[in-house]
C-alpha atoms as a PDB file:
ATOM      1  CA  UNK A   1       0.000   0.000   0.000  1.00  0.00           C
ATOM      2  CA  UNK A   2       1.416   3.398  -0.957  1.00  0.00           C
ATOM      3  CA  UNK A   3       1.910   6.366   1.336  1.00  0.00           C
ATOM      4  CA  UNK A   4      -0.913   8.387  -0.252  1.00  0.00           C
ATOM      5  CA  UNK A   5      -3.461   5.588   0.183  1.00  0.00           C
ATOM      6  CA  UNK A   6      -2.343   5.073   3.796  1.00  0.00           C
ATOM      7  CA  UNK A   7      -2.710   8.794   4.484  1.00  0.00           C
ATOM      8  CA  UNK A   8      -6.225   8.778   3.032  1.00  0.00           C
ATOM      9  CA  UNK A   9      -7.109   5.849   5.289  1.00  0.00           C
ATOM     10  CA  UNK A  10      -5.703   7.689   8.319  1.00  0.00           C
ATOM     11  CA  UNK A  11      -7.838  10.744   7.620  1.00  0.00           C
ATOM     12  CA  UNK A  12     -10.980   8.590   7.831  1.00  0.00           C
ATOM     13  CA  UNK A  13     -10.115   6.931  11.157  1.00  0.00           C
ATOM     14  CA  UNK A  14     -10.467   7.981  14.799  1.00  0.00           C
ATOM     15  CA  UNK A  15      -9.473   9.302  17.327  1.00  0.00           C
ATOM     16  CA  UNK A  16     -10.056  12.933  16.472  1.00  0.00           C
ATOM     17  CA  UNK A  17      -7.010  14.165  18.393  1.00  0.00           C
ATOM     18  CA  UNK A  18      -4.837  16.092  15.901  1.00  0.00           C
ATOM     19  CA  UNK A  19      -1.587  15.291  17.705  1.00  0.00           C
ATOM     20  CA  UNK A  20      -2.295  11.571  17.618  1.00  0.00           C
ATOM     21  CA  UNK A  21      -3.274  11.730  13.971  1.00  0.00           C
ATOM     22  CA  UNK A  22      -0.105  13.688  13.149  1.00  0.00           C
ATOM     23  CA  UNK A  23       1.991  11.106  14.987  1.00  0.00           C
ATOM     24  CA  UNK A  24       0.544   8.201  13.004  1.00  0.00           C
ATOM     25  CA  UNK A  25       1.114  10.107   9.746  1.00  0.00           C
ATOM     26  CA  UNK A  26       4.773  10.588  10.702  1.00  0.00           C
ATOM     27  CA  UNK A  27       5.077   6.892  11.622  1.00  0.00           C
ATOM     28  CA  UNK A  28       3.671   5.843   8.245  1.00  0.00           C
ATOM     29  CA  UNK A  29       5.839   8.239   6.235  1.00  0.00           C
ATOM     30  CA  UNK A  30       9.093   7.528   8.102  1.00  0.00           C
ATOM     31  CA  UNK A  31       8.611   3.734   8.132  1.00  0.00           C
ATOM     32  CA  UNK A  32       7.711   3.746   4.443  1.00  0.00           C
ATOM     33  CA  UNK A  33      10.762   5.808   3.508  1.00  0.00           C
ATOM     34  CA  UNK A  34      13.066   3.762   5.752  1.00  0.00           C
ATOM     35  CA  UNK A  35      11.732   0.454   4.385  1.00  0.00           C
ATOM     36  CA  UNK A  36      11.715  -0.968   7.906  1.00  0.00           C
ATOM     37  CA  UNK A  37       9.938  -0.781  11.252  1.00  0.00           C
ATOM     38  CA  UNK A  38      10.734   2.248  13.416  1.00  0.00           C
ATOM     39  CA  UNK A  39      10.968   2.986  17.147  1.00  0.00           C
ATOM     40  CA  UNK A  40       8.706   5.656  18.647  1.00  0.00           C
ATOM     41  CA  UNK A  41       9.955   7.759  21.584  1.00  0.00           C
ATOM     42  CA  UNK A  42       7.405   9.826  23.488  1.00  0.00           C
ATOM     43  CA  UNK A  43       8.002  12.178  26.435  1.00  0.00           C
ATOM     44  CA  UNK A  44       5.237  13.664  28.593  1.00  0.00           C
ATOM     45  CA  UNK A  45       2.066  13.904  26.557  1.00  0.00           C
ATOM     46  CA  UNK A  46       3.937  12.326  23.635  1.00  0.00           C
ATOM     47  CA  UNK A  47       4.096   9.088  25.637  1.00  0.00           C
ATOM     48  CA  UNK A  48       0.307   8.988  25.811  1.00  0.00           C
ATOM     49  CA  UNK A  49      -0.048  10.083  22.170  1.00  0.00           C
ATOM     50  CA  UNK A  50       2.148   7.204  21.020  1.00  0.00           C
ATOM     51  CA  UNK A  51       0.001   4.725  22.918  1.00  0.00           C
ATOM     52  CA  UNK A  52      -3.233   6.236  21.590  1.00  0.00           C
ATOM     53  CA  UNK A  53      -1.911   6.306  18.029  1.00  0.00           C
ATOM     54  CA  UNK A  54      -0.985   2.639  17.993  1.00  0.00           C
ATOM     55  CA  UNK A  55      -4.230   1.672  19.739  1.00  0.00           C
ATOM     56  CA  UNK A  56      -6.437   3.786  17.477  1.00  0.00           C
ATOM     57  CA  UNK A  57      -4.774   2.560  14.278  1.00  0.00           C
ATOM     58  CA  UNK A  58      -4.006  -1.140  14.829  1.00  0.00           C
ATOM     59  CA  UNK A  59      -3.091  -1.662  11.159  1.00  0.00           C
ATOM     60  CA  UNK A  60      -0.194   0.773  11.512  1.00  0.00           C
ATOM     61  CA  UNK A  61       1.002  -0.852  14.758  1.00  0.00           C
ATOM     62  CA  UNK A  62       3.091  -3.242  12.649  1.00  0.00           C
ATOM     63  CA  UNK A  63       5.209  -0.281  11.494  1.00  0.00           C
ATOM     64  CA  UNK A  64       6.578   0.276  15.022  1.00  0.00           C
ATOM     65  CA  UNK A  65       9.241  -2.029  16.386  1.00  0.00           C
ATOM     66  CA  UNK A  66       9.394  -0.379  19.828  1.00  0.00           C
ATOM     67  CA  UNK A  67       7.621   2.323  21.812  1.00  0.00           C
ATOM     68  CA  UNK A  68       9.601   4.097  24.529  1.00  0.00           C
ATOM     69  CA  UNK A  69       7.430   6.175  26.869  1.00  0.00           C
ATOM     70  CA  UNK A  70       9.052   8.578  29.337  1.00  0.00           C
ATOM     71  CA  UNK A  71       7.228  10.632  32.001  1.00  0.00           C
ATOM     72  CA  UNK A  72       3.809   9.742  30.670  1.00  0.00           C
ATOM     73  CA  UNK A  73       0.627  11.285  32.000  1.00  0.00           C
ATOM     74  CA  UNK A  74      -0.756   8.010  33.347  1.00  0.00           C
ATOM     75  CA  UNK A  75       0.243   7.052  36.855  1.00  0.00           C
ATOM     76  CA  UNK A  76      -1.394   3.644  37.188  1.00  0.00           C
ATOM     77  CA  UNK A  77      -3.969   2.581  39.745  1.00  0.00           C
ATOM     78  CA  UNK A  78      -4.167   1.932  43.464  1.00  0.00           C
ATOM     79  CA  UNK A  79      -6.832  -0.752  42.964  1.00  0.00           C
ATOM     80  CA  UNK A  80      -4.405  -3.603  42.400  1.00  0.00           C
ATOM     81  CA  UNK A  81      -1.905  -3.120  45.218  1.00  0.00           C
ATOM     82  CA  UNK A  82       0.306  -6.199  45.563  1.00  0.00           C
ATOM     83  CA  UNK A  83       1.950  -7.491  48.713  1.00  0.00           C
ATOM     84  CA  UNK A  84       5.408  -8.040  47.224  1.00  0.00           C
ATOM     85  CA  UNK A  85       7.057  -8.615  50.603  1.00  0.00           C
ATOM     86  CA  UNK A  86       5.173 -11.814  51.355  1.00  0.00           C
ATOM     87  CA  UNK A  87       4.049 -13.087  47.938  1.00  0.00           C
ATOM     88  CA  UNK A  88       6.717 -11.708  45.609  1.00  0.00           C
ATOM     89  CA  UNK A  89       5.952  -9.433  42.681  1.00  0.00           C
ATOM     90  CA  UNK A  90       5.355 -10.487  39.090  1.00  0.00           C
ATOM     91  CA  UNK A  91       7.955  -9.547  36.507  1.00  0.00           C
ATOM     92  CA  UNK A  92       7.389  -6.209  34.824  1.00  0.00           C
END
């Protein structure tokens, strides 16, 4: 599939967030020009945008080899607190 047809497909898909859409366009263009899978590095809100982009466009997920998220906006949950002292913790 060519870059122009991929870009047309991206314009028709959700989410409506412009930053996320721009990120997936860059992923498609760079991976197509490089002729290989690329790594995505997101800092701050970019960490969340990378995750949303690859979740919202699962077909383009294959273009990313790795996603490195630093200082993302999500801080996890307190609902699943583990007792690592007595039971041990699962591997990350």
